[in-house]
Amino acid sequence: MSYCVNPTCTNPNNEPFAINCANCGSNLKLRNRYRASRPLGKGGFGATFLAADEGLPGFPSCVVKQLRPNTQSPSVMKMARELFEREAFTLGKIGSHPQIPRLLDYFEEDNNFYLVQEFVDGETLKQEFERRGVFNEIEIRKILTEIFPALGFMHENGVIHRDIKPANIMRRKQDGQLVLIDFGAVSSQVNKPSADEDPSGLLTNFAIGTPGFAPPEQMAMRPVYSSDLYATAMSCLYLMTGRSPKDLPHDPYTGEINWKSQVKLSDRMRVVFEKLLQQSVAQRFRSAEEALRALESGGIADESPRAITPAINTHSSNINAPSSVTMRPATNNAQQPNSRIQSQRYGSTQGTQFDTGMMTTGNTRAGSGRIGSGELKGGRKVIVEYSQGKRNFANQDYTKAAFGSATLAGIVMSRSKLVEADFCHSDLTGASFQGANLSQAKLNSANLREAKMQRAILVKSDLGSASMILADLREANLQSAYMSKADLSGANLSGANLKGAYLNQANLNGTNLCGADLKGAKISDDQLAQAKTNWGTIRPDGSKRLF
């Protein structure tokens, strides 16, 4: 079908190869080349159409964006033309990024302005949410890990998107990668016209962004780079709750969104979101790169010295034990250290002195214990006993236990339940997790070199940036695991379930993937070429080798 793009046409549908509109007589081929087939969207500034480029063999699909000035006065047309040329220049500059559609053409015709962009076939995150429901934390982490580099590239080129929302983030069907779309509200900070210079409202009609997703400074026409970071985090809240920002509760005195009661996040992810969603620009991350660093390191990067364990006074009943392994330095509420007790970093337990005469078992659950009358929960009991020489912790329940940044080289946790356990940044060299349940466990940036993990369950676990060199993961279940930037060189994943696993940028040099199931996994052909595969390896598209 041919579709007439004339804004005043009352019956725009036409025969596939018609030359002129049967209703209004307008030429149906823009620039004698681009033929619109159906509308994709419409707003106050104009409309967007799916079109075919008949100037190229095969008539490839493209997107035509039409900017429609609301009046034909010379001053407004002059401003519209300047705005249009600036937007075309901006899109041409940033369109070299694989997550941003390329600008293919731009022109003026019949007092309307047209941008032609690469067509991205896929589903927006809004459509994906409506189809499948809420996203979990690991899925949100993947989204942020993919979106931040694209935003960083834009910002480095002086461009603010200004309309980040789930409907403007597309998951490309071809490779599953997220792509930023709809740059109708892009802003370049160079020579940006002010609202005072725009009496027609041409800029303010579409340059503010979407209320709720856009932060306060953007609604006041003063966007900054971190405005896009705020909108990205707000988009993630929508995906996790299904609630539009305007429907979330807010503080009537400060205007801040009360989002914490609406989502369940790990402590570390909550810290990242707290900084992304600050009302004050000065308190947000300064750049997408800084936000990505914090996300990958599991906290706020470069903000305080590395985590330190509060000292333990064995003669006090008020023990300030940390609530998780990664902590800020002890606050003023902590007791002063006993002369025999040295403050230690978790992750370096050698030399820690504990008054073992004061230590008793707190309850029957393996993840708990006591020092004096101060309770020592989760993985901290393991860390204490490990420092005293114990190595075998098999067949126990350590659900949601915290081990972050601990040194547990050679520890045996075979067949233990470690669902949602936190091992971020821990040294687990040569550790044994054979048959253990590590579903949704956090192992990002952990050292798992030569770890024994045969038949371990790691469904939806976070292994981003983990070192798994020479690890034994035969027949492990890694379905939907996040393994971006993990080092799996020389690791044995033969017969492993890697369905839907996210292996983008992982090092697979010499990795054994014979008989592994990679259906739906995010992995490139180049990565597969580095690994060992055989006829039993199921590729991402579900196919197998024939030889």
Protein backbone atom coordinates (compact mmCIF):
# COMPACT_ATOMS: atom_id res chain seq x y z
CA MET A 1 0.00 0.00 0.00
CA SER A 2 1.08 3.59 -0.66
CA TYR A 3 0.32 6.09 2.06
CA CYS A 4 -0.12 9.81 1.46
CA VAL A 5 1.91 11.96 3.88
CA ASN A 6 0.00 15.16 3.14
CA PRO A 7 -1.19 16.32 6.62
CA THR A 8 -4.53 17.52 5.24
CA CYS A 9 -5.37 14.39 3.25
CA THR A 10 -8.59 12.80 4.52
CA ASN A 11 -8.09 9.40 2.82
CA PRO A 12 -4.35 8.66 2.64
CA ASN A 13 -4.55 4.95 1.67
CA ASN A 14 -3.66 4.23 -1.98
CA GLU A 15 -2.77 1.38 -4.32
CA PRO A 16 0.76 -0.05 -3.86
CA PHE A 17 2.44 1.59 -6.87
CA ALA A 18 0.22 4.62 -7.44
CA ILE A 19 2.00 7.78 -8.51
CA ASN A 20 -0.39 10.37 -7.04
CA CYS A 21 -2.86 10.22 -4.15
CA ALA A 22 -6.35 9.41 -5.43
CA ASN A 23 -7.85 11.70 -2.75
CA CYS A 24 -5.73 14.86 -2.72
CA GLY A 25 -3.46 14.45 -5.75
CA SER A 26 -0.18 14.69 -3.79
CA ASN A 27 2.90 12.94 -5.14
CA LEU A 28 3.25 9.62 -3.29
CA LYS A 29 7.01 9.37 -3.76
CA LEU A 30 8.97 11.83 -1.65
CA ARG A 31 11.98 13.18 -3.48
CA ASN A 32 10.90 10.80 -6.23
CA ARG A 33 12.39 8.01 -4.14
CA TYR A 34 10.74 7.30 -0.76
CA ARG A 35 7.27 5.71 -0.71
CA ALA A 36 5.47 5.64 2.64
CA SER A 37 3.44 2.49 3.36
CA ARG A 38 1.94 3.20 6.81
CA PRO A 39 2.20 5.65 9.72
CA LEU A 40 4.33 4.70 12.73
CA GLY A 41 3.54 7.62 15.00
CA LYS A 42 2.12 11.11 15.17
CA GLY A 43 2.69 14.06 17.46
CA GLY A 44 2.49 17.82 17.73
CA PHE A 45 5.66 18.30 15.69
CA GLY A 46 4.80 15.98 12.80
CA ALA A 47 4.60 12.30 11.96
CA THR A 48 6.71 9.21 11.31
CA PHE A 49 6.17 6.70 8.50
CA LEU A 50 7.48 3.33 7.46
CA ALA A 51 8.66 3.69 3.87
CA ALA A 52 10.50 1.90 1.08
CA ASP A 53 13.57 3.37 -0.58
CA GLU A 54 12.79 2.78 -4.26
CA GLY A 55 16.09 4.32 -5.24
CA LEU A 56 17.94 1.19 -4.12
CA PRO A 57 17.67 -2.42 -5.33
CA GLY A 58 15.20 -4.46 -3.32
CA PHE A 59 13.41 -1.36 -2.04
CA PRO A 60 14.81 -1.61 1.53
CA SER A 61 12.71 -0.32 4.40
CA CYS A 62 13.44 3.01 6.07
CA VAL A 63 11.77 5.45 8.45
CA VAL A 64 10.66 8.87 7.18
CA LYS A 65 10.11 11.58 9.79
CA GLN A 66 8.12 14.62 8.74
CA LEU A 67 8.45 17.91 10.61
CA ARG A 68 5.35 20.05 10.15
CA PRO A 69 5.56 23.74 11.16
CA ASN A 70 2.24 24.88 12.64
CA THR A 71 2.27 28.06 10.57
CA GLN A 72 3.80 29.21 7.30
CA SER A 73 5.01 32.61 8.58
CA PRO A 74 8.54 33.49 7.40
CA SER A 75 9.95 33.71 10.95
CA VAL A 76 8.57 30.30 11.93
CA MET A 77 9.71 28.69 8.67
CA LYS A 78 13.19 30.13 9.22
CA MET A 79 13.33 28.72 12.75
CA ALA A 80 11.91 25.37 11.60
CA ARG A 81 14.56 25.16 8.90
CA GLU A 82 17.35 25.93 11.38
CA LEU A 83 15.98 23.40 13.85
CA PHE A 84 15.64 20.79 11.13
CA GLU A 85 19.19 21.31 9.85
CA ARG A 86 20.58 21.16 13.37
CA GLU A 87 18.73 17.91 14.08
CA ALA A 88 19.96 16.41 10.80
CA PHE A 89 23.52 17.44 11.65
CA THR A 90 23.18 15.93 15.13
CA LEU A 91 21.76 12.64 13.87
CA GLY A 92 24.42 12.43 11.19
CA LYS A 93 27.09 12.84 13.86
CA ILE A 94 25.82 10.18 16.28
CA GLY A 95 24.37 7.69 13.77
CA SER A 96 27.66 5.81 13.52
CA HIS A 97 26.90 4.02 16.81
CA PRO A 98 25.41 0.51 16.41
CA GLN A 99 22.64 1.33 18.91
CA ILE A 100 21.51 4.50 17.14
CA PRO A 101 19.70 4.40 13.77
CA ARG A 102 21.74 5.92 10.93
CA LEU A 103 20.62 9.07 9.15
CA LEU A 104 20.21 8.19 5.47
CA ASP A 105 18.87 11.41 3.96
CA TYR A 106 17.22 14.76 4.75
CA PHE A 107 15.40 17.27 2.55
CA GLU A 108 12.66 19.90 2.33
CA GLU A 109 9.60 19.42 0.15
CA ASP A 110 6.29 21.33 -0.05
CA ASN A 111 7.14 23.36 3.08
CA ASN A 112 7.60 20.20 5.12
CA PHE A 113 10.95 18.85 6.33
CA TYR A 114 11.94 15.19 6.11
CA LEU A 115 14.53 13.01 7.82
CA VAL A 116 15.14 9.49 6.53
CA GLN A 117 16.60 7.02 9.01
CA GLU A 118 17.56 3.37 9.14
CA PHE A 119 14.59 1.14 9.96
CA VAL A 120 15.02 -0.95 13.11
CA ASP A 121 12.83 -4.05 13.06
CA GLY A 122 11.94 -5.12 16.55
CA GLU A 123 9.84 -4.55 19.63
CA THR A 124 10.01 -1.62 22.03
CA LEU A 125 10.51 -2.32 25.72
CA LYS A 126 7.00 -0.96 26.30
CA GLN A 127 5.59 -3.51 23.85
CA GLU A 128 7.75 -6.23 25.40
CA PHE A 129 6.43 -5.34 28.87
CA GLU A 130 2.84 -5.42 27.66
CA ARG A 131 3.43 -8.84 26.11
CA ARG A 132 5.33 -10.59 28.93
CA GLY A 133 4.93 -8.60 32.17
CA VAL A 134 7.35 -7.17 34.71
CA PHE A 135 11.15 -7.41 34.46
CA ASN A 136 13.39 -8.70 37.25
CA GLU A 137 16.59 -7.12 38.57
CA ILE A 138 18.96 -9.14 36.40
CA GLU A 139 17.04 -8.17 33.28
CA ILE A 140 17.09 -4.50 34.35
CA ARG A 141 20.83 -4.73 34.92
CA LYS A 142 21.24 -6.02 31.36
CA ILE A 143 19.20 -3.11 30.02
CA LEU A 144 21.27 -0.53 31.87
CA THR A 145 24.51 -2.20 30.81
CA GLU A 146 23.45 -1.88 27.16
CA ILE A 147 21.88 1.59 27.29
CA PHE A 148 24.60 3.46 29.20
CA PRO A 149 27.31 3.04 26.50
CA ALA A 150 24.95 4.40 23.83
CA LEU A 151 24.03 7.36 26.03
CA GLY A 152 27.70 7.94 26.82
CA PHE A 153 28.49 8.09 23.09
CA MET A 154 25.70 10.63 22.55
CA HIS A 155 26.77 12.78 25.46
CA GLU A 156 30.40 12.76 24.35
CA ASN A 157 29.15 14.23 21.09
CA GLY A 158 27.26 16.98 22.89
CA VAL A 159 23.80 15.46 22.38
CA ILE A 160 21.00 14.93 24.92
CA HIS A 161 18.22 12.58 23.82
CA ARG A 162 15.57 14.18 26.10
CA ASP A 163 12.88 11.56 25.55
CA ILE A 164 14.17 8.28 26.99
CA LYS A 165 11.23 6.02 27.84
CA PRO A 166 10.29 2.35 27.24
CA ALA A 167 8.51 3.25 23.99
CA ASN A 168 11.75 4.76 22.64
CA ILE A 169 14.01 1.81 23.40
CA MET A 170 13.78 -0.91 20.76
CA ARG A 171 15.05 -4.48 21.04
CA ARG A 172 16.35 -5.23 17.58
CA LYS A 173 14.95 -8.49 16.26
CA GLN A 174 18.11 -9.35 14.35
CA ASP A 175 20.46 -9.61 17.33
CA GLY A 176 18.43 -8.72 20.43
CA GLN A 177 20.46 -5.57 21.04
CA LEU A 178 18.77 -2.48 22.47
CA VAL A 179 18.57 0.53 20.18
CA LEU A 180 17.59 4.12 21.03
CA ILE A 181 14.91 5.44 18.69
CA ASP A 182 12.81 8.60 18.17
CA PHE A 183 15.30 11.43 18.26
CA GLY A 184 12.64 14.07 17.63
CA ALA A 185 13.47 15.78 20.93
CA VAL A 186 17.28 15.64 20.67
CA SER A 187 19.07 18.67 21.97
CA SER A 188 22.53 19.91 21.13
CA GLN A 189 23.90 22.20 23.79
CA VAL A 190 25.65 24.27 21.14
CA ASN A 191 23.65 27.29 19.95
CA LYS A 192 20.38 25.96 21.36
CA PRO A 193 17.56 28.49 20.82
CA SER A 194 15.77 29.56 23.98
CA ALA A 195 12.03 29.47 24.55
CA ASP A 196 11.98 33.28 24.36
CA GLU A 197 13.14 33.04 20.76
CA ASP A 198 10.32 30.66 19.94
CA PRO A 199 7.00 32.51 20.23
CA SER A 200 5.27 29.93 18.06
CA GLY A 201 6.01 27.12 20.51
CA LEU A 202 7.77 25.17 17.78
CA LEU A 203 10.51 24.04 20.14
CA THR A 204 8.48 23.62 23.30
CA ASN A 205 5.85 21.54 21.50
CA PHE A 206 8.20 18.61 21.31
CA ALA A 207 11.54 19.38 22.93
CA ILE A 208 10.58 18.95 26.59
CA GLY A 209 10.23 15.17 26.63
CA THR A 210 7.62 13.00 28.32
CA PRO A 211 6.28 14.22 31.70
CA GLY A 212 7.07 11.76 34.47
CA PHE A 213 10.03 10.20 32.73
CA ALA A 214 11.79 13.56 32.29
CA PRO A 215 13.41 15.09 35.41
CA PRO A 216 12.51 18.52 36.83
CA GLU A 217 15.32 20.48 35.17
CA GLN A 218 14.32 19.17 31.75
CA MET A 219 10.70 20.17 32.25
CA ALA A 220 12.05 23.63 33.06
CA MET A 221 13.84 23.62 29.65
CA ARG A 222 17.30 23.24 31.22
CA PRO A 223 18.30 19.66 30.30
CA VAL A 224 21.71 18.27 31.19
CA TYR A 225 23.38 14.98 30.30
CA SER A 226 22.23 13.31 33.52
CA SER A 227 18.62 14.10 32.53
CA ASP A 228 18.87 11.09 30.21
CA LEU A 229 20.18 8.95 33.10
CA TYR A 230 17.21 9.92 35.27
CA ALA A 231 14.78 9.07 32.46
CA THR A 232 16.49 5.72 31.90
CA ALA A 233 16.12 4.78 35.57
CA MET A 234 12.49 5.93 35.54
CA SER A 235 11.91 3.74 32.48
CA CYS A 236 13.31 0.78 34.41
CA LEU A 237 10.92 1.47 37.30
CA TYR A 238 8.06 1.27 34.82
CA LEU A 239 9.36 -2.08 33.53
CA MET A 240 9.67 -3.44 37.08
CA THR A 241 6.31 -2.19 38.36
CA GLY A 242 4.06 -1.60 35.35
CA ARG A 243 3.24 1.81 36.80
CA SER A 244 3.72 5.07 34.96
CA PRO A 245 5.88 7.61 36.86
CA LYS A 246 2.85 9.83 37.41
CA ASP A 247 1.13 6.91 39.18
CA LEU A 248 3.99 6.32 41.63
CA PRO A 249 3.64 7.85 45.11
CA HIS A 250 5.67 10.99 45.74
CA ASP A 251 6.72 13.16 48.66
CA PRO A 252 4.46 16.24 48.68
CA TYR A 253 7.19 18.35 50.30
CA THR A 254 10.20 17.46 48.14
CA GLY A 255 8.52 16.13 45.00
CA GLU A 256 10.72 13.00 45.10
CA ILE A 257 9.23 9.73 43.85
CA ASN A 258 8.75 7.18 46.63
CA TRP A 259 9.87 4.29 44.46
CA LYS A 260 11.65 2.09 47.03
CA SER A 261 8.43 0.60 48.37
CA GLN A 262 7.39 -0.37 44.84
CA VAL A 263 10.35 -2.57 43.81
CA LYS A 264 12.52 -5.26 45.31
CA LEU A 265 16.18 -4.56 44.58
CA SER A 266 19.44 -5.79 46.04
CA ASP A 267 21.19 -3.30 48.32
CA ARG A 268 23.79 -2.53 45.67
CA MET A 269 21.34 -1.97 42.85
CA ARG A 270 19.25 0.21 45.13
CA VAL A 271 22.28 2.44 45.77
CA VAL A 272 22.74 2.88 42.01
CA PHE A 273 19.07 3.74 41.50
CA GLU A 274 19.13 6.18 44.41
CA LYS A 275 21.82 8.17 42.66
CA LEU A 276 20.23 7.92 39.21
CA LEU A 277 16.91 9.26 40.51
CA GLN A 278 18.14 12.20 42.55
CA GLN A 279 16.04 15.33 42.01
CA SER A 280 19.16 17.44 42.30
CA VAL A 281 21.43 17.30 39.25
CA ALA A 282 24.49 17.81 41.48
CA GLN A 283 23.75 14.57 43.37
CA ARG A 284 23.31 12.34 40.31
CA PHE A 285 25.99 10.49 38.39
CA ARG A 286 27.87 13.00 36.27
CA SER A 287 28.07 10.73 33.23
CA ALA A 288 26.80 7.50 31.75
CA GLU A 289 30.33 6.10 32.09
CA GLU A 290 30.33 6.80 35.83
CA ALA A 291 26.91 5.17 36.19
CA LEU A 292 28.09 2.11 34.25
CA ARG A 293 31.19 1.81 36.44
CA ALA A 294 29.03 1.89 39.55
CA LEU A 295 26.67 -0.70 38.07
CA GLU A 296 29.49 -3.07 37.16
CA SER A 297 31.37 -2.62 40.42
CA GLY A 298 28.21 -3.14 42.47
CA GLY A 299 28.22 0.25 44.17
CA ILE A 300 29.14 3.91 43.89
CA ALA A 301 32.54 4.05 42.24
CA ASP A 302 35.35 6.18 43.61
CA GLU A 303 33.15 7.65 46.32
CA SER A 304 34.78 6.21 49.41
CA PRO A 305 37.71 3.99 50.40
CA ARG A 306 37.34 0.29 49.75
CA ALA A 307 34.99 -1.56 52.10
CA ILE A 308 36.32 -1.96 55.63
CA THR A 309 35.00 -4.23 58.33
CA PRO A 310 34.08 -2.46 61.57
CA ALA A 311 36.30 -3.64 64.40
CA ILE A 312 34.73 -6.07 66.86
CA ASN A 313 34.97 -5.50 70.60
CA THR A 314 34.48 -8.84 72.28
CA HIS A 315 33.81 -7.17 75.63
CA SER A 316 30.82 -5.18 74.39
CA SER A 317 27.26 -6.38 73.98
CA ASN A 318 26.65 -3.80 71.26
CA ILE A 319 28.32 -5.29 68.19
CA ASN A 320 28.01 -3.23 65.01
CA ALA A 321 28.30 -6.13 62.58
CA PRO A 322 27.95 -5.06 58.95
CA SER A 323 24.64 -5.79 57.23
CA SER A 324 26.44 -6.94 54.10
CA VAL A 325 30.00 -7.74 53.29
CA THR A 326 30.71 -4.59 51.31
CA MET A 327 30.45 -1.69 53.74
CA ARG A 328 31.45 1.91 54.11
CA PRO A 329 33.84 2.59 57.01
CA ALA A 330 32.34 2.10 60.46
CA THR A 331 30.23 4.99 61.72
CA ASN A 332 30.47 6.69 65.10
CA ASN A 333 28.08 4.10 66.52
CA ALA A 334 30.71 1.39 66.22
CA GLN A 335 32.58 0.41 69.37
CA GLN A 336 36.27 1.21 69.66
CA PRO A 337 38.48 -1.78 68.80
CA ASN A 338 39.97 -3.96 71.48
CA SER A 339 43.76 -3.91 71.39
CA ARG A 340 43.81 -7.59 70.41
CA ILE A 341 41.36 -7.12 67.53
CA GLN A 342 42.47 -5.61 64.21
CA SER A 343 40.07 -3.99 61.76
CA GLN A 344 40.17 -6.03 58.55
CA ARG A 345 38.90 -5.75 55.02
CA TYR A 346 36.57 -8.54 54.01
CA GLY A 347 38.38 -10.41 51.31
CA SER A 348 41.55 -10.56 53.36
CA THR A 349 40.66 -12.56 56.46
CA GLN A 350 44.21 -13.68 57.21
CA GLY A 351 45.39 -12.43 60.58
CA THR A 352 41.92 -11.67 61.93
CA GLN A 353 41.79 -12.52 65.63
CA PHE A 354 38.48 -13.63 67.13
CA ASP A 355 37.83 -14.48 70.77
CA THR A 356 36.67 -18.01 70.00
CA GLY A 357 35.69 -18.56 73.60
CA MET A 358 32.88 -16.05 73.07
CA MET A 359 31.64 -17.64 69.84
CA THR A 360 28.58 -19.88 69.94
CA THR A 361 26.20 -21.26 67.35
CA GLY A 362 23.25 -18.89 67.10
CA ASN A 363 20.71 -21.29 65.53
CA THR A 364 20.50 -24.43 63.44
CA ARG A 365 20.54 -22.66 60.07
CA ALA A 366 24.05 -22.92 58.65
CA GLY A 367 24.05 -19.30 57.55
CA SER A 368 23.92 -17.85 61.10
CA GLY A 369 26.12 -17.64 64.18
CA ARG A 370 27.00 -15.32 67.06
CA ILE A 371 30.05 -13.57 68.42
CA GLY A 372 29.29 -12.74 72.04
CA SER A 373 25.74 -11.42 72.04
CA GLY A 374 26.14 -9.78 68.62
CA GLU A 375 24.55 -11.80 65.82
CA LEU A 376 26.68 -12.78 62.84
CA LYS A 377 24.44 -13.69 59.91
CA GLY A 378 24.71 -15.34 56.50
CA GLY A 379 28.07 -15.64 54.84
CA ARG A 380 29.90 -13.85 57.63
CA LYS A 381 29.81 -16.99 59.77
CA VAL A 382 31.42 -18.87 56.88
CA ILE A 383 34.07 -16.15 56.56
CA VAL A 384 34.88 -16.38 60.27
CA GLU A 385 35.12 -20.18 60.26
CA TYR A 386 37.12 -20.12 57.01
CA SER A 387 39.66 -17.82 58.67
CA GLN A 388 39.96 -20.44 61.43
CA GLY A 389 40.85 -23.15 58.92
CA LYS A 390 37.53 -24.75 58.05
CA ARG A 391 37.07 -25.46 54.33
CA ASN A 392 34.12 -27.84 53.95
CA PHE A 393 30.70 -26.12 53.96
CA ALA A 394 28.86 -28.63 51.75
CA ASN A 395 25.16 -29.53 51.92
CA GLN A 396 24.15 -26.39 53.80
CA ASP A 397 21.58 -23.63 53.25
CA TYR A 398 23.11 -20.20 52.62
CA THR A 399 20.13 -18.61 50.88
CA LYS A 400 20.67 -14.84 50.40
CA ALA A 401 23.90 -15.00 52.39
CA ALA A 402 26.47 -12.23 51.84
CA PHE A 403 30.07 -13.18 51.04
CA GLY A 404 31.03 -10.14 48.95
CA SER A 405 34.77 -9.37 48.62
CA ALA A 406 35.73 -12.36 50.79
CA THR A 407 38.78 -14.55 50.20
CA LEU A 408 37.44 -18.13 50.09
CA ALA A 409 39.93 -19.86 47.81
CA GLY A 410 39.48 -23.63 47.77
CA ILE A 411 36.26 -23.57 49.79
CA VAL A 412 33.93 -26.57 49.34
CA MET A 413 30.23 -25.70 49.02
CA SER A 414 29.12 -28.67 46.93
CA ARG A 415 25.36 -29.33 46.87
CA SER A 416 24.71 -26.30 49.09
CA LYS A 417 21.75 -24.00 48.58
CA LEU A 418 23.10 -20.56 47.64
CA VAL A 419 20.04 -19.00 46.01
CA GLU A 420 20.52 -15.19 45.71
CA ALA A 421 23.82 -15.41 47.59
CA ASP A 422 26.18 -12.46 47.12
CA PHE A 423 29.77 -13.32 46.13
CA CYS A 424 30.53 -10.06 44.30
CA HIS A 425 34.31 -9.42 44.03
CA SER A 426 35.10 -12.54 46.10
CA ASP A 427 38.19 -14.69 45.51
CA LEU A 428 36.84 -18.21 44.91
CA THR A 429 39.87 -19.66 43.15
CA GLY A 430 39.58 -23.45 42.97
CA ALA A 431 36.34 -23.44 44.97
CA SER A 432 33.98 -26.41 44.63
CA PHE A 433 30.32 -25.72 43.86
CA GLN A 434 29.51 -29.08 42.29
CA GLY A 435 25.74 -29.60 42.24
CA ALA A 436 25.15 -26.39 44.23
CA ASN A 437 22.09 -24.23 43.63
CA LEU A 438 23.32 -20.71 42.80
CA SER A 439 20.16 -19.49 41.11
CA GLN A 440 20.06 -15.67 40.92
CA ALA A 441 23.34 -15.51 42.82
CA LYS A 442 25.53 -12.42 42.45
CA LEU A 443 29.00 -13.41 41.29
CA ASN A 444 29.91 -10.34 39.27
CA SER A 445 33.64 -9.57 39.27
CA ALA A 446 34.30 -12.71 41.35
CA ASN A 447 37.46 -14.77 40.78
CA LEU A 448 36.30 -18.31 39.92
CA ARG A 449 39.48 -19.44 38.25
CA GLU A 450 39.64 -23.28 38.12
CA ALA A 451 36.43 -23.49 40.16
CA LYS A 452 34.60 -26.84 40.08
CA MET A 453 30.97 -26.18 39.16
CA GLN A 454 29.84 -29.36 37.41
CA ARG A 455 26.05 -29.64 37.28
CA ALA A 456 25.67 -26.46 39.35
CA ILE A 457 22.44 -24.49 38.94
CA LEU A 458 23.20 -20.89 37.97
CA VAL A 459 19.86 -19.89 36.46
CA LYS A 460 19.59 -16.08 36.14
CA SER A 461 22.82 -15.66 38.09
CA ASP A 462 24.97 -12.55 37.62
CA LEU A 463 28.46 -13.48 36.41
CA GLY A 464 29.25 -10.17 34.73
CA SER A 465 33.02 -9.51 34.55
CA ALA A 466 33.74 -12.69 36.55
CA SER A 467 37.06 -14.48 35.96
CA MET A 468 36.21 -18.10 35.17
CA ILE A 469 39.43 -19.14 33.47
CA LEU A 470 39.73 -22.96 33.30
CA ALA A 471 36.57 -23.36 35.40
CA ASP A 472 34.74 -26.69 35.14
CA LEU A 473 31.08 -26.00 34.31
CA ARG A 474 30.20 -29.28 32.63
CA GLU A 475 26.42 -29.80 32.43
CA ALA A 476 25.83 -26.66 34.53
CA ASN A 477 22.49 -24.91 34.15
CA LEU A 478 23.27 -21.30 33.15
CA GLN A 479 19.92 -20.50 31.58
CA SER A 480 19.37 -16.71 31.31
CA ALA A 481 22.61 -16.08 33.22
CA TYR A 482 24.25 -12.68 32.78
CA MET A 483 27.88 -13.23 31.69
CA SER A 484 28.77 -10.00 29.91
CA LYS A 485 32.56 -9.42 29.94
CA ALA A 486 33.17 -12.68 31.85
CA ASP A 487 36.50 -14.37 31.13
CA LEU A 488 35.70 -17.99 30.22
CA SER A 489 38.93 -18.73 28.40
CA GLY A 490 39.75 -22.42 28.64
CA ALA A 491 36.63 -23.13 30.71
CA ASN A 492 34.72 -26.38 30.19
CA LEU A 493 31.01 -25.78 29.49
CA SER A 494 30.39 -28.99 27.58
CA GLY A 495 26.76 -30.04 27.84
CA ALA A 496 25.88 -26.82 29.69
CA ASN A 497 22.45 -25.22 29.41
CA LEU A 498 23.11 -21.67 28.16
CA LYS A 499 19.65 -20.93 26.79
CA GLY A 500 19.05 -17.18 26.77
CA ALA A 501 22.38 -16.50 28.49
CA TYR A 502 23.88 -13.06 27.93
CA LEU A 503 27.47 -13.60 26.75
CA ASN A 504 28.03 -10.30 24.97
CA GLN A 505 31.76 -9.34 25.16
CA ALA A 506 32.63 -12.48 27.13
CA ASN A 507 36.07 -14.00 26.43
CA LEU A 508 35.43 -17.45 24.93
CA ASN A 509 38.95 -18.15 23.71
CA GLY A 510 39.32 -21.93 23.89
CA THR A 511 36.08 -22.38 25.85
CA ASN A 512 34.62 -25.88 25.43
CA LEU A 513 31.02 -25.51 24.21
CA CYS A 514 30.69 -29.02 22.78
CA GLY A 515 27.12 -30.21 23.30
CA ALA A 516 26.14 -26.92 24.96
CA ASP A 517 22.68 -25.46 24.31
CA LEU A 518 23.01 -21.80 23.28
CA LYS A 519 19.50 -21.33 21.92
CA GLY A 520 18.48 -17.69 22.30
CA ALA A 521 21.83 -16.74 23.86
CA LYS A 522 23.32 -13.32 23.16
CA ILE A 523 26.63 -14.30 21.57
CA SER A 524 28.33 -13.27 18.33
CA ASP A 525 29.63 -15.47 15.54
CA ASP A 526 33.14 -14.19 16.27
CA GLN A 527 32.85 -15.36 19.88
CA LEU A 528 31.65 -18.79 18.76
CA ALA A 529 34.55 -19.04 16.35
CA GLN A 530 36.96 -18.65 19.28
CA ALA A 531 35.35 -21.50 21.22
CA LYS A 532 35.35 -25.26 20.71
CA THR A 533 32.04 -26.48 19.29
CA ASN A 534 30.84 -29.71 17.71
CA TRP A 535 27.79 -31.21 16.02
CA GLY A 536 26.02 -31.34 19.39
CA THR A 537 26.34 -27.61 20.05
CA ILE A 538 22.97 -25.89 19.62
CA ARG A 539 23.58 -22.43 18.18
CA PRO A 540 21.63 -19.27 19.18
CA ASP A 541 19.20 -19.68 16.28
CA GLY A 542 18.45 -23.26 17.37
CA SER A 543 20.44 -24.91 14.58
CA LYS A 544 23.26 -27.44 14.78
CA ARG A 545 26.34 -28.00 12.70
CA LEU A 546 25.96 -30.62 10.01
CA PHE A 547 29.56 -31.82 10.25
